């Protein structure tokens, strides 16, 4: 039993098991510029959850325009 534990410790996190099951799953899918509040925001994925990120100091030139979820909720219009 102790030999197995020591062998796993020597392998470290480069083992195939860890590569397969502990991959980084954070991604950003789309970046938009809000039409109302003029803030850049993105739709992303953290693990299995969809998230929205807001960026204050991000270039606004050339971004696709779409209302952010905060402005949509505030105006009362459904998505």
Protein backbone atom coordinates (compact mmCIF):
# COMPACT_ATOMS: atom_id res chain seq x y z
CA UNK A 1 0.00 0.00 0.00
CA UNK A 2 2.75 2.45 0.93
CA UNK A 3 4.66 1.59 -2.24
CA UNK A 4 1.60 2.49 -4.33
CA UNK A 5 1.25 5.85 -2.54
CA UNK A 6 4.94 6.66 -3.02
CA UNK A 7 4.73 5.72 -6.69
CA UNK A 8 1.74 8.09 -7.18
CA UNK A 9 3.58 10.91 -5.39
CA UNK A 10 6.60 10.44 -7.67
CA UNK A 11 4.39 10.65 -10.77
CA UNK A 12 3.00 14.00 -9.67
CA UNK A 13 0.22 15.74 -11.57
CA UNK A 14 1.58 14.66 -14.97
CA UNK A 15 -0.16 11.32 -14.63
CA UNK A 16 -2.70 10.46 -17.35
CA UNK A 17 -5.44 10.14 -14.72
CA UNK A 18 -5.05 13.76 -13.66
CA UNK A 19 -4.82 15.03 -17.25
CA UNK A 20 -8.06 13.28 -18.10
CA UNK A 21 -10.17 14.32 -15.12
CA UNK A 22 -8.77 17.67 -14.01
CA UNK A 23 -8.68 19.65 -17.24
CA UNK A 24 -9.17 23.40 -17.14
CA UNK A 25 -12.77 23.99 -18.23
CA UNK A 26 -12.97 27.81 -18.16
CA UNK A 27 -13.74 29.36 -21.54
CA UNK A 28 -15.08 32.62 -22.95
CA UNK A 29 -17.51 32.07 -25.80
CA UNK A 30 -18.48 35.56 -27.01
CA UNK A 31 -17.61 39.20 -26.28
CA UNK A 32 -20.16 41.99 -26.78
CA UNK A 33 -20.57 45.73 -26.22
CA UNK A 34 -23.75 46.67 -24.37
CA UNK A 35 -25.94 49.16 -26.26
CA UNK A 36 -27.31 50.80 -23.09
CA UNK A 37 -24.51 50.96 -20.50
CA UNK A 38 -21.59 50.96 -23.01
CA UNK A 39 -19.77 48.19 -21.11
CA UNK A 40 -17.96 45.25 -22.67
CA UNK A 41 -19.26 41.91 -21.40
CA UNK A 42 -18.76 38.27 -22.26
CA UNK A 43 -20.56 34.98 -21.96
CA UNK A 44 -18.34 32.27 -20.57
CA UNK A 45 -18.28 28.87 -19.02
CA UNK A 46 -16.69 27.95 -15.71
CA UNK A 47 -16.71 24.24 -15.17
CA UNK A 48 -20.35 23.36 -15.92
CA UNK A 49 -21.88 26.79 -15.21
CA UNK A 50 -22.55 29.63 -17.66
CA UNK A 51 -21.27 32.97 -16.43
CA UNK A 52 -21.29 36.60 -17.52
CA UNK A 53 -18.17 38.73 -17.05
CA UNK A 54 -18.08 42.53 -17.26
CA UNK A 55 -14.93 44.44 -18.29
CA UNK A 56 -14.44 48.13 -17.47
CA UNK A 57 -11.14 48.78 -19.25
CA UNK A 58 -11.53 46.84 -22.46
CA UNK A 59 -11.37 48.17 -26.05
CA UNK A 60 -14.84 48.89 -27.35
CA UNK A 61 -13.97 49.40 -31.01
CA UNK A 62 -15.17 46.63 -33.31
CA UNK A 63 -17.18 44.67 -30.75
CA UNK A 64 -20.60 43.26 -31.64
CA UNK A 65 -23.39 45.20 -29.95
CA UNK A 66 -25.93 43.44 -27.77
CA UNK A 67 -27.65 44.32 -24.49
CA UNK A 68 -26.04 42.80 -21.42
CA UNK A 69 -28.15 40.59 -19.11
CA UNK A 70 -28.17 43.32 -16.46
CA UNK A 71 -29.70 45.90 -18.83
CA UNK A 72 -32.16 43.38 -20.24
CA UNK A 73 -33.37 42.53 -16.73
CA UNK A 74 -33.52 46.21 -15.75
CA UNK A 75 -35.60 47.15 -18.81
CA UNK A 76 -37.98 44.22 -18.26
CA UNK A 77 -37.58 42.82 -21.77
CA UNK A 78 -37.24 39.06 -22.02
CA UNK A 79 -34.24 37.61 -23.81
